[in-house]
Amino acid sequence: MPATTWSLAVGGFATAEDDRRDAQRGAVAVARGLADELLAADSLLVAVPLYNFGVSEHVKTWVDVVITDPRLAAAGQPLAGRPAVLVVVRGGAYGPGTPREGWDRATGWMRRILEDAWGPDLRIVDTEFTLAGQNPALDQFIETAAEMRAAAELLAAEQGSHLAGVGARAAQPE
């Protein structure tokens, strides 16, 4: 997605349709398309790595463009009640008691967007030390990383089954 999509969509939604430039029309169409996909979903799965202590540019851009659509920007939690799973992976350790506690700026931000702004029934699966075994500075945590990964995989399977069950129920005729 071009870096200009967000600013063009913001301007496009704020401009009368007949007065929009072609670039604004295109950006509004992208935002509407993304919002349509999100609003049509029975459930939501968002997988986000901690990327330089924050959310990746790609995820941030997607959210920014989606919320230019008035249906996702307005109060009222348009995804209220829908099941959602946020999967977060961190290369190092940022949890309570670690030297980098509080450095994770991605998870809280994503929770605010998903839970507070859009309102789905959010569950979180996260794990740390995903770079243990690849980054020599983290080699001493390989065993801990394996335990964390195993626990996260079990939780992810539970949440995946939950999301799949919701989709199967939604597809069944009444």
N, C-alpha and C. Protein backbone atom coordinates (compact mmCIF):
# COMPACT_ATOMS: atom_id res chain seq x y z
N MET A 1 0.85 -1.16 0.00
CA MET A 1 0.00 0.00 0.00
C MET A 1 0.90 1.24 0.00
N PRO A 2 0.67 2.15 -0.91
CA PRO A 2 1.50 3.36 -0.95
C PRO A 2 1.40 4.16 0.35
N ALA A 3 2.49 4.78 0.72
CA ALA A 3 2.54 5.56 1.96
C ALA A 3 1.54 6.71 1.96
N THR A 4 1.11 7.15 0.81
CA THR A 4 0.18 8.28 0.71
C THR A 4 -1.28 7.88 0.89
N THR A 5 -1.57 6.58 0.97
CA THR A 5 -2.97 6.12 1.04
C THR A 5 -3.71 6.74 2.21
N TRP A 6 -3.06 6.74 3.39
CA TRP A 6 -3.74 7.27 4.57
C TRP A 6 -4.12 8.73 4.38
N SER A 7 -3.16 9.58 4.02
CA SER A 7 -3.47 11.02 3.92
C SER A 7 -4.48 11.30 2.81
N LEU A 8 -4.40 10.56 1.73
CA LEU A 8 -5.38 10.75 0.65
C LEU A 8 -6.77 10.28 1.08
N ALA A 9 -6.84 9.19 1.84
CA ALA A 9 -8.15 8.71 2.32
C ALA A 9 -8.75 9.69 3.32
N VAL A 10 -7.93 10.22 4.23
CA VAL A 10 -8.42 11.21 5.19
C VAL A 10 -9.00 12.40 4.44
N GLY A 11 -8.23 12.91 3.49
CA GLY A 11 -8.70 14.05 2.70
C GLY A 11 -9.91 13.69 1.85
N GLY A 12 -9.92 12.48 1.32
CA GLY A 12 -11.02 12.05 0.48
C GLY A 12 -12.33 11.93 1.24
N PHE A 13 -12.28 11.34 2.43
CA PHE A 13 -13.51 11.22 3.23
C PHE A 13 -14.00 12.59 3.70
N ALA A 14 -13.10 13.56 3.81
CA ALA A 14 -13.48 14.90 4.26
C ALA A 14 -13.92 15.80 3.11
N THR A 15 -13.83 15.29 1.89
CA THR A 15 -14.17 16.07 0.71
C THR A 15 -15.43 15.50 0.06
N ALA A 16 -16.29 16.36 -0.40
CA ALA A 16 -17.50 15.90 -1.10
C ALA A 16 -17.08 14.99 -2.26
N GLU A 17 -17.85 13.95 -2.49
CA GLU A 17 -17.46 12.94 -3.48
C GLU A 17 -17.18 13.54 -4.86
N ASP A 18 -17.99 14.47 -5.29
CA ASP A 18 -17.80 15.09 -6.61
C ASP A 18 -16.56 15.96 -6.68
N ASP A 19 -16.05 16.41 -5.53
CA ASP A 19 -14.89 17.29 -5.50
C ASP A 19 -13.57 16.54 -5.27
N ARG A 20 -13.63 15.24 -5.08
CA ARG A 20 -12.41 14.46 -4.81
C ARG A 20 -11.54 14.35 -6.05
N ARG A 21 -10.24 14.39 -5.81
CA ARG A 21 -9.27 14.11 -6.88
C ARG A 21 -9.26 12.60 -7.12
N ASP A 22 -8.74 12.20 -8.25
CA ASP A 22 -8.67 10.77 -8.58
C ASP A 22 -7.89 9.98 -7.52
N ALA A 23 -6.79 10.54 -7.05
CA ALA A 23 -5.98 9.86 -6.03
C ALA A 23 -6.78 9.68 -4.73
N GLN A 24 -7.59 10.67 -4.38
CA GLN A 24 -8.44 10.56 -3.19
C GLN A 24 -9.51 9.49 -3.39
N ARG A 25 -10.10 9.45 -4.57
CA ARG A 25 -11.10 8.41 -4.86
C ARG A 25 -10.49 7.02 -4.70
N GLY A 26 -9.29 6.87 -5.23
CA GLY A 26 -8.61 5.57 -5.12
C GLY A 26 -8.31 5.20 -3.67
N ALA A 27 -7.85 6.15 -2.88
CA ALA A 27 -7.54 5.88 -1.47
C ALA A 27 -8.81 5.59 -0.67
N VAL A 28 -9.88 6.30 -0.95
CA VAL A 28 -11.16 6.04 -0.29
C VAL A 28 -11.64 4.63 -0.64
N ALA A 29 -11.46 4.23 -1.90
CA ALA A 29 -11.86 2.88 -2.31
C ALA A 29 -11.05 1.82 -1.57
N VAL A 30 -9.76 2.06 -1.39
CA VAL A 30 -8.93 1.12 -0.64
C VAL A 30 -9.42 1.04 0.81
N ALA A 31 -9.63 2.18 1.44
CA ALA A 31 -10.10 2.20 2.83
C ALA A 31 -11.45 1.51 2.96
N ARG A 32 -12.36 1.79 2.06
CA ARG A 32 -13.69 1.14 2.10
C ARG A 32 -13.56 -0.36 1.92
N GLY A 33 -12.70 -0.77 1.00
CA GLY A 33 -12.51 -2.21 0.76
C GLY A 33 -11.97 -2.92 1.99
N LEU A 34 -10.98 -2.31 2.64
CA LEU A 34 -10.43 -2.90 3.86
C LEU A 34 -11.47 -2.92 4.98
N ALA A 35 -12.22 -1.84 5.11
CA ALA A 35 -13.27 -1.77 6.13
C ALA A 35 -14.37 -2.78 5.83
N ASP A 36 -14.74 -2.94 4.56
CA ASP A 36 -15.75 -3.93 4.18
C ASP A 36 -15.32 -5.34 4.60
N GLU A 37 -14.05 -5.68 4.33
CA GLU A 37 -13.53 -6.99 4.71
C GLU A 37 -13.61 -7.20 6.21
N LEU A 38 -13.21 -6.19 6.95
CA LEU A 38 -13.21 -6.27 8.40
C LEU A 38 -14.63 -6.39 8.95
N LEU A 39 -15.53 -5.59 8.45
CA LEU A 39 -16.91 -5.61 8.93
C LEU A 39 -17.65 -6.89 8.53
N ALA A 40 -17.25 -7.52 7.45
CA ALA A 40 -17.89 -8.75 7.00
C ALA A 40 -17.36 -10.00 7.72
N ALA A 41 -16.25 -9.86 8.41
CA ALA A 41 -15.62 -11.02 9.05
C ALA A 41 -16.43 -11.52 10.24
N ASP A 42 -16.55 -12.84 10.35
CA ASP A 42 -17.20 -13.45 11.51
C ASP A 42 -16.30 -13.39 12.73
N SER A 43 -15.00 -13.43 12.48
CA SER A 43 -14.01 -13.40 13.56
C SER A 43 -12.75 -12.72 13.01
N LEU A 44 -11.84 -12.42 13.91
CA LEU A 44 -10.66 -11.66 13.53
C LEU A 44 -9.42 -12.28 14.17
N LEU A 45 -8.40 -12.49 13.36
CA LEU A 45 -7.10 -12.95 13.83
C LEU A 45 -6.06 -11.94 13.37
N VAL A 46 -5.36 -11.34 14.33
CA VAL A 46 -4.33 -10.36 14.03
C VAL A 46 -3.03 -10.86 14.65
N ALA A 47 -2.02 -11.05 13.82
CA ALA A 47 -0.72 -11.50 14.30
C ALA A 47 0.27 -10.35 14.13
N VAL A 48 0.90 -9.95 15.23
CA VAL A 48 1.76 -8.77 15.23
C VAL A 48 3.07 -9.07 15.95
N PRO A 49 4.20 -8.85 15.29
CA PRO A 49 5.46 -8.96 16.01
C PRO A 49 5.78 -7.65 16.70
N LEU A 50 6.49 -7.73 17.81
CA LEU A 50 7.06 -6.52 18.39
C LEU A 50 8.19 -6.13 17.46
N TYR A 51 8.15 -4.94 16.96
CA TYR A 51 9.06 -4.51 15.91
C TYR A 51 9.71 -3.21 16.36
N ASN A 52 10.94 -3.28 16.79
CA ASN A 52 11.62 -2.11 17.34
C ASN A 52 10.80 -1.46 18.45
N PHE A 53 10.29 -2.29 19.34
CA PHE A 53 9.53 -1.90 20.53
C PHE A 53 8.14 -1.38 20.24
N GLY A 54 7.69 -1.44 19.00
CA GLY A 54 6.36 -0.96 18.65
C GLY A 54 5.72 -1.85 17.61
N VAL A 55 4.59 -1.41 17.10
CA VAL A 55 3.88 -2.14 16.07
C VAL A 55 4.57 -1.87 14.73
N SER A 56 4.57 -2.86 13.85
CA SER A 56 5.24 -2.69 12.56
C SER A 56 4.53 -1.63 11.72
N GLU A 57 5.28 -1.03 10.85
CA GLU A 57 4.74 0.00 9.95
C GLU A 57 3.57 -0.56 9.13
N HIS A 58 3.65 -1.82 8.74
CA HIS A 58 2.62 -2.42 7.90
C HIS A 58 1.29 -2.51 8.64
N VAL A 59 1.34 -2.96 9.90
CA VAL A 59 0.12 -3.07 10.69
C VAL A 59 -0.41 -1.67 11.02
N LYS A 60 0.47 -0.77 11.37
CA LYS A 60 0.06 0.60 11.69
C LYS A 60 -0.61 1.25 10.48
N THR A 61 -0.03 1.07 9.31
CA THR A 61 -0.62 1.65 8.10
C THR A 61 -1.99 1.05 7.83
N TRP A 62 -2.13 -0.28 7.98
CA TRP A 62 -3.41 -0.93 7.76
C TRP A 62 -4.47 -0.34 8.70
N VAL A 63 -4.14 -0.24 9.99
CA VAL A 63 -5.09 0.32 10.95
C VAL A 63 -5.42 1.77 10.59
N ASP A 64 -4.39 2.56 10.30
CA ASP A 64 -4.62 3.97 9.97
C ASP A 64 -5.55 4.13 8.77
N VAL A 65 -5.35 3.32 7.74
CA VAL A 65 -6.20 3.42 6.55
C VAL A 65 -7.62 2.94 6.87
N VAL A 66 -7.74 1.83 7.60
CA VAL A 66 -9.07 1.31 7.93
C VAL A 66 -9.87 2.33 8.72
N ILE A 67 -9.24 2.99 9.67
CA ILE A 67 -10.02 3.92 10.50
C ILE A 67 -10.31 5.25 9.83
N THR A 68 -9.87 5.43 8.60
CA THR A 68 -10.34 6.61 7.86
C THR A 68 -11.78 6.42 7.41
N ASP A 69 -12.20 5.16 7.29
CA ASP A 69 -13.60 4.89 6.93
C ASP A 69 -14.46 5.23 8.14
N PRO A 70 -15.46 6.08 7.97
CA PRO A 70 -16.28 6.51 9.11
C PRO A 70 -16.92 5.36 9.89
N ARG A 71 -17.16 4.22 9.24
CA ARG A 71 -17.76 3.09 9.96
C ARG A 71 -16.83 2.52 11.02
N LEU A 72 -15.52 2.65 10.83
CA LEU A 72 -14.55 2.14 11.80
C LEU A 72 -13.99 3.23 12.68
N ALA A 73 -14.15 4.47 12.29
CA ALA A 73 -13.63 5.58 13.09
C ALA A 73 -14.60 6.03 14.16
N ALA A 74 -15.88 5.83 13.92
CA ALA A 74 -16.91 6.31 14.83
C ALA A 74 -16.95 5.50 16.12
N ALA A 75 -17.42 6.14 17.16
CA ALA A 75 -17.63 5.42 18.42
C ALA A 75 -18.74 4.40 18.21
N GLY A 76 -18.80 3.44 19.09
CA GLY A 76 -19.87 2.47 18.98
C GLY A 76 -19.38 1.05 18.75
N GLN A 77 -18.10 0.86 18.69
CA GLN A 77 -17.50 -0.47 18.59
C GLN A 77 -18.16 -1.33 17.51
N PRO A 78 -17.82 -1.09 16.25
CA PRO A 78 -18.47 -1.78 15.14
C PRO A 78 -18.25 -3.29 15.08
N LEU A 79 -17.29 -3.81 15.82
CA LEU A 79 -17.05 -5.26 15.83
C LEU A 79 -17.46 -5.88 17.16
N ALA A 80 -18.29 -5.19 17.91
CA ALA A 80 -18.69 -5.64 19.25
C ALA A 80 -19.21 -7.08 19.22
N GLY A 81 -18.70 -7.86 20.15
CA GLY A 81 -19.16 -9.23 20.33
C GLY A 81 -18.51 -10.25 19.43
N ARG A 82 -17.84 -9.85 18.38
CA ARG A 82 -17.20 -10.82 17.49
C ARG A 82 -15.94 -11.34 18.16
N PRO A 83 -15.65 -12.60 18.00
CA PRO A 83 -14.42 -13.13 18.60
C PRO A 83 -13.20 -12.63 17.82
N ALA A 84 -12.16 -12.33 18.57
CA ALA A 84 -10.92 -11.88 17.97
C ALA A 84 -9.75 -12.41 18.79
N VAL A 85 -8.68 -12.72 18.08
CA VAL A 85 -7.46 -13.17 18.74
C VAL A 85 -6.32 -12.29 18.23
N LEU A 86 -5.58 -11.75 19.17
CA LEU A 86 -4.38 -10.98 18.87
C LEU A 86 -3.19 -11.86 19.25
N VAL A 87 -2.34 -12.17 18.28
CA VAL A 87 -1.14 -12.96 18.52
C VAL A 87 0.05 -12.01 18.47
N VAL A 88 0.82 -11.97 19.55
CA VAL A 88 1.97 -11.08 19.64
C VAL A 88 3.21 -11.91 19.92
N VAL A 89 4.26 -11.69 19.13
CA VAL A 89 5.53 -12.37 19.37
C VAL A 89 6.61 -11.32 19.60
N ARG A 90 7.50 -11.64 20.53
CA ARG A 90 8.58 -10.72 20.89
C ARG A 90 9.90 -11.48 20.83
N GLY A 91 10.88 -10.90 20.18
CA GLY A 91 12.18 -11.54 20.07
C GLY A 91 12.89 -11.67 21.39
N GLY A 92 12.75 -10.68 22.25
CA GLY A 92 13.37 -10.69 23.59
C GLY A 92 12.29 -10.85 24.65
N ALA A 93 12.60 -10.41 25.85
CA ALA A 93 11.66 -10.51 26.95
C ALA A 93 11.34 -9.11 27.48
N TYR A 94 10.05 -8.83 27.59
CA TYR A 94 9.59 -7.51 27.99
C TYR A 94 8.56 -7.57 29.10
N GLY A 95 8.35 -8.75 29.67
CA GLY A 95 7.34 -8.94 30.69
C GLY A 95 7.78 -8.41 32.05
N PRO A 96 6.88 -8.52 33.02
CA PRO A 96 7.17 -8.05 34.39
C PRO A 96 8.45 -8.68 34.95
N GLY A 97 9.26 -7.83 35.54
CA GLY A 97 10.50 -8.28 36.17
C GLY A 97 11.70 -8.37 35.25
N THR A 98 11.50 -8.16 33.94
CA THR A 98 12.63 -8.21 33.01
C THR A 98 13.26 -6.82 32.90
N PRO A 99 14.52 -6.75 32.47
CA PRO A 99 15.16 -5.44 32.31
C PRO A 99 14.44 -4.52 31.32
N ARG A 100 13.70 -5.10 30.39
CA ARG A 100 13.00 -4.28 29.39
C ARG A 100 11.49 -4.24 29.62
N GLU A 101 11.10 -4.45 30.84
CA GLU A 101 9.67 -4.36 31.18
C GLU A 101 9.15 -2.98 30.77
N GLY A 102 8.02 -2.98 30.09
CA GLY A 102 7.42 -1.72 29.66
C GLY A 102 7.87 -1.23 28.31
N TRP A 103 8.84 -1.90 27.69
CA TRP A 103 9.33 -1.44 26.39
C TRP A 103 8.42 -1.86 25.24
N ASP A 104 7.52 -2.80 25.46
CA ASP A 104 6.59 -3.26 24.43
C ASP A 104 5.52 -2.20 24.22
N ARG A 105 5.62 -1.48 23.12
CA ARG A 105 4.65 -0.44 22.80
C ARG A 105 3.59 -0.93 21.83
N ALA A 106 3.71 -2.16 21.35
CA ALA A 106 2.78 -2.69 20.35
C ALA A 106 1.52 -3.27 20.98
N THR A 107 1.67 -4.09 22.01
CA THR A 107 0.52 -4.82 22.54
C THR A 107 -0.54 -3.88 23.10
N GLY A 108 -0.15 -2.92 23.89
CA GLY A 108 -1.11 -1.97 24.44
C GLY A 108 -1.82 -1.18 23.36
N TRP A 109 -1.07 -0.77 22.35
CA TRP A 109 -1.66 -0.01 21.24
C TRP A 109 -2.69 -0.85 20.51
N MET A 110 -2.34 -2.11 20.20
CA MET A 110 -3.28 -2.98 19.50
C MET A 110 -4.52 -3.26 20.35
N ARG A 111 -4.33 -3.44 21.65
CA ARG A 111 -5.50 -3.64 22.53
C ARG A 111 -6.43 -2.44 22.48
N ARG A 112 -5.86 -1.23 22.50
CA ARG A 112 -6.70 -0.03 22.46
C ARG A 112 -7.51 0.01 21.18
N ILE A 113 -6.89 -0.27 20.04
CA ILE A 113 -7.60 -0.26 18.76
C ILE A 113 -8.67 -1.35 18.76
N LEU A 114 -8.25 -2.57 19.05
CA LEU A 114 -9.19 -3.69 18.94
C LEU A 114 -10.27 -3.64 20.01
N GLU A 115 -9.88 -3.67 21.27
CA GLU A 115 -10.87 -3.73 22.36
C GLU A 115 -11.67 -2.46 22.51
N ASP A 116 -10.99 -1.34 22.63
CA ASP A 116 -11.67 -0.10 22.97
C ASP A 116 -12.36 0.55 21.77
N ALA A 117 -11.68 0.60 20.64
CA ALA A 117 -12.26 1.29 19.49
C ALA A 117 -13.22 0.40 18.70
N TRP A 118 -12.82 -0.86 18.46
CA TRP A 118 -13.65 -1.71 17.60
C TRP A 118 -14.52 -2.69 18.39
N GLY A 119 -14.14 -3.05 19.61
CA GLY A 119 -14.99 -3.78 20.53
C GLY A 119 -15.19 -5.27 20.39
N PRO A 120 -14.33 -6.02 19.69
CA PRO A 120 -14.57 -7.46 19.66
C PRO A 120 -14.26 -8.10 21.02
N ASP A 121 -14.68 -9.34 21.16
CA ASP A 121 -14.34 -10.14 22.33
C ASP A 121 -12.90 -10.62 22.11
N LEU A 122 -11.95 -9.88 22.64
CA LEU A 122 -10.54 -10.09 22.33
C LEU A 122 -9.86 -11.05 23.31
N ARG A 123 -9.10 -11.95 22.74
CA ARG A 123 -8.22 -12.83 23.50
C ARG A 123 -6.82 -12.65 22.95
N ILE A 124 -5.84 -12.80 23.83
CA ILE A 124 -4.46 -12.55 23.42
C ILE A 124 -3.62 -13.80 23.62
N VAL A 125 -2.81 -14.09 22.62
CA VAL A 125 -1.81 -15.15 22.68
C VAL A 125 -0.47 -14.45 22.46
N ASP A 126 0.44 -14.59 23.41
CA ASP A 126 1.74 -13.97 23.20
C ASP A 126 2.86 -14.88 23.69
N THR A 127 4.02 -14.60 23.16
CA THR A 127 5.20 -15.33 23.58
C THR A 127 6.41 -14.43 23.41
N GLU A 128 7.44 -14.75 24.18
CA GLU A 128 8.68 -13.96 24.15
C GLU A 128 9.86 -14.86 23.82
N PHE A 129 11.01 -14.25 23.67
CA PHE A 129 12.26 -14.94 23.38
C PHE A 129 12.22 -15.70 22.06
N THR A 130 11.47 -15.20 21.07
CA THR A 130 11.40 -15.90 19.80
C THR A 130 12.71 -15.84 19.02
N LEU A 131 13.63 -14.98 19.44
CA LEU A 131 14.93 -14.92 18.78
C LEU A 131 16.00 -15.73 19.51
N ALA A 132 15.62 -16.40 20.61
CA ALA A 132 16.58 -17.28 21.31
C ALA A 132 16.95 -18.42 20.35
N GLY A 133 18.24 -18.67 20.23
CA GLY A 133 18.72 -19.67 19.29
C GLY A 133 19.12 -19.06 17.96
N GLN A 134 18.70 -17.82 17.72
CA GLN A 134 19.09 -17.11 16.51
C GLN A 134 19.97 -15.91 16.83
N ASN A 135 19.73 -15.31 17.97
CA ASN A 135 20.53 -14.20 18.45
C ASN A 135 21.42 -14.74 19.56
N PRO A 136 22.74 -14.80 19.35
CA PRO A 136 23.63 -15.39 20.36
C PRO A 136 23.49 -14.77 21.75
N ALA A 137 23.09 -13.52 21.84
CA ALA A 137 22.93 -12.88 23.15
C ALA A 137 21.79 -13.51 23.95
N LEU A 138 20.91 -14.25 23.28
CA LEU A 138 19.77 -14.86 23.96
C LEU A 138 19.91 -16.38 24.11
N ASP A 139 21.07 -16.92 23.75
CA ASP A 139 21.25 -18.38 23.81
C ASP A 139 21.00 -18.97 25.19
N GLN A 140 21.28 -18.21 26.22
CA GLN A 140 21.06 -18.73 27.58
C GLN A 140 19.57 -18.94 27.89
N PHE A 141 18.68 -18.42 27.02
CA PHE A 141 17.25 -18.53 27.26
C PHE A 141 16.55 -19.51 26.32
N ILE A 142 17.31 -20.36 25.65
CA ILE A 142 16.72 -21.29 24.68
C ILE A 142 15.70 -22.20 25.35
N GLU A 143 15.99 -22.73 26.51
CA GLU A 143 15.04 -23.61 27.18
C GLU A 143 13.78 -22.86 27.60
N THR A 144 13.96 -21.69 28.16
CA THR A 144 12.81 -20.86 28.55
C THR A 144 11.97 -20.51 27.32
N ALA A 145 12.64 -20.19 26.23
CA ALA A 145 11.94 -19.86 24.99
C ALA A 145 11.11 -21.04 24.50
N ALA A 146 11.67 -22.22 24.57
CA ALA A 146 10.94 -23.42 24.12
C ALA A 146 9.69 -23.64 24.97
N GLU A 147 9.81 -23.44 26.27
CA GLU A 147 8.66 -23.59 27.17
C GLU A 147 7.59 -22.54 26.85
N MET A 148 8.02 -21.29 26.63
CA MET A 148 7.08 -20.23 26.30
C MET A 148 6.38 -20.51 24.97
N ARG A 149 7.16 -20.96 24.01
CA ARG A 149 6.58 -21.25 22.70
C ARG A 149 5.56 -22.39 22.79
N ALA A 150 5.89 -23.44 23.53
CA ALA A 150 4.96 -24.56 23.68
C ALA A 150 3.65 -24.10 24.33
N ALA A 151 3.75 -23.29 25.36
CA ALA A 151 2.55 -22.77 26.03
C ALA A 151 1.74 -21.89 25.08
N ALA A 152 2.41 -21.05 24.31
CA ALA A 152 1.72 -20.17 23.36
C ALA A 152 1.06 -20.98 22.25
N GLU A 153 1.72 -22.05 21.80
CA GLU A 153 1.14 -22.89 20.74
C GLU A 153 -0.13 -23.58 21.23
N LEU A 154 -0.12 -24.05 22.48
CA LEU A 154 -1.33 -24.66 23.05
C LEU A 154 -2.47 -23.65 23.13
N LEU A 155 -2.16 -22.48 23.63
CA LEU A 155 -3.18 -21.43 23.73
C LEU A 155 -3.67 -21.02 22.34
N ALA A 156 -2.75 -20.90 21.39
CA ALA A 156 -3.14 -20.53 20.02
C ALA A 156 -4.06 -21.59 19.41
N ALA A 157 -3.78 -22.86 19.67
CA ALA A 157 -4.64 -23.92 19.15
C ALA A 157 -6.04 -23.82 19.75
N GLU A 158 -6.12 -23.55 21.04
CA GLU A 158 -7.43 -23.37 21.69
C GLU A 158 -8.19 -22.20 21.05
N GLN A 159 -7.49 -21.10 20.89
CA GLN A 159 -8.15 -19.92 20.32
C GLN A 159 -8.50 -20.14 18.85
N GLY A 160 -7.65 -20.84 18.12
CA GLY A 160 -7.95 -21.16 16.72
C GLY A 160 -9.18 -22.04 16.59
N SER A 161 -9.30 -23.01 17.48
CA SER A 161 -10.49 -23.86 17.47
C SER A 161 -11.73 -23.04 17.78
N HIS A 162 -11.60 -22.12 18.70
CA HIS A 162 -12.73 -21.23 19.04
C HIS A 162 -13.15 -20.41 17.82
N LEU A 163 -12.17 -19.80 17.14
CA LEU A 163 -12.49 -18.99 15.96
C LEU A 163 -13.07 -19.85 14.85
N ALA A 164 -12.53 -21.03 14.65
CA ALA A 164 -13.04 -21.93 13.60
C ALA A 164 -14.46 -22.35 13.91
N GLY A 165 -14.76 -22.61 15.16
CA GLY A 165 -16.13 -22.99 15.55
C GLY A 165 -17.11 -21.88 15.29
N VAL A 166 -16.70 -20.66 15.51
CA VAL A 166 -17.57 -19.51 15.25
C VAL A 166 -17.85 -19.42 13.77
N GLY A 167 -16.83 -19.56 12.95
CA GLY A 167 -17.01 -19.50 11.50
C GLY A 167 -17.91 -20.62 10.99
N ALA A 168 -17.73 -21.82 11.54
CA ALA A 168 -18.56 -22.96 11.12
C ALA A 168 -20.02 -22.73 11.50
N ARG A 169 -20.26 -22.20 12.67
CA ARG A 169 -21.64 -21.91 13.11
C ARG A 169 -22.28 -20.84 12.22
N ALA A 170 -21.49 -19.84 11.87
CA ALA A 170 -22.03 -18.75 11.05
C ALA A 170 -22.39 -19.24 9.65
N ALA A 171 -21.68 -20.26 9.15
CA ALA A 171 -21.91 -20.75 7.81
C ALA A 171 -23.07 -21.72 7.72
N GLN A 172 -23.53 -22.26 8.84
CA GLN A 172 -24.62 -23.24 8.83
C GLN A 172 -25.95 -22.54 8.62
N PRO A 173 -26.80 -23.13 7.74
CA PRO A 173 -28.13 -22.54 7.56
C PRO A 173 -28.99 -22.80 8.78
N GLU A 174 -29.91 -21.90 9.02
CA GLU A 174 -30.79 -22.04 10.20
C GLU A 174 -32.02 -22.83 9.86
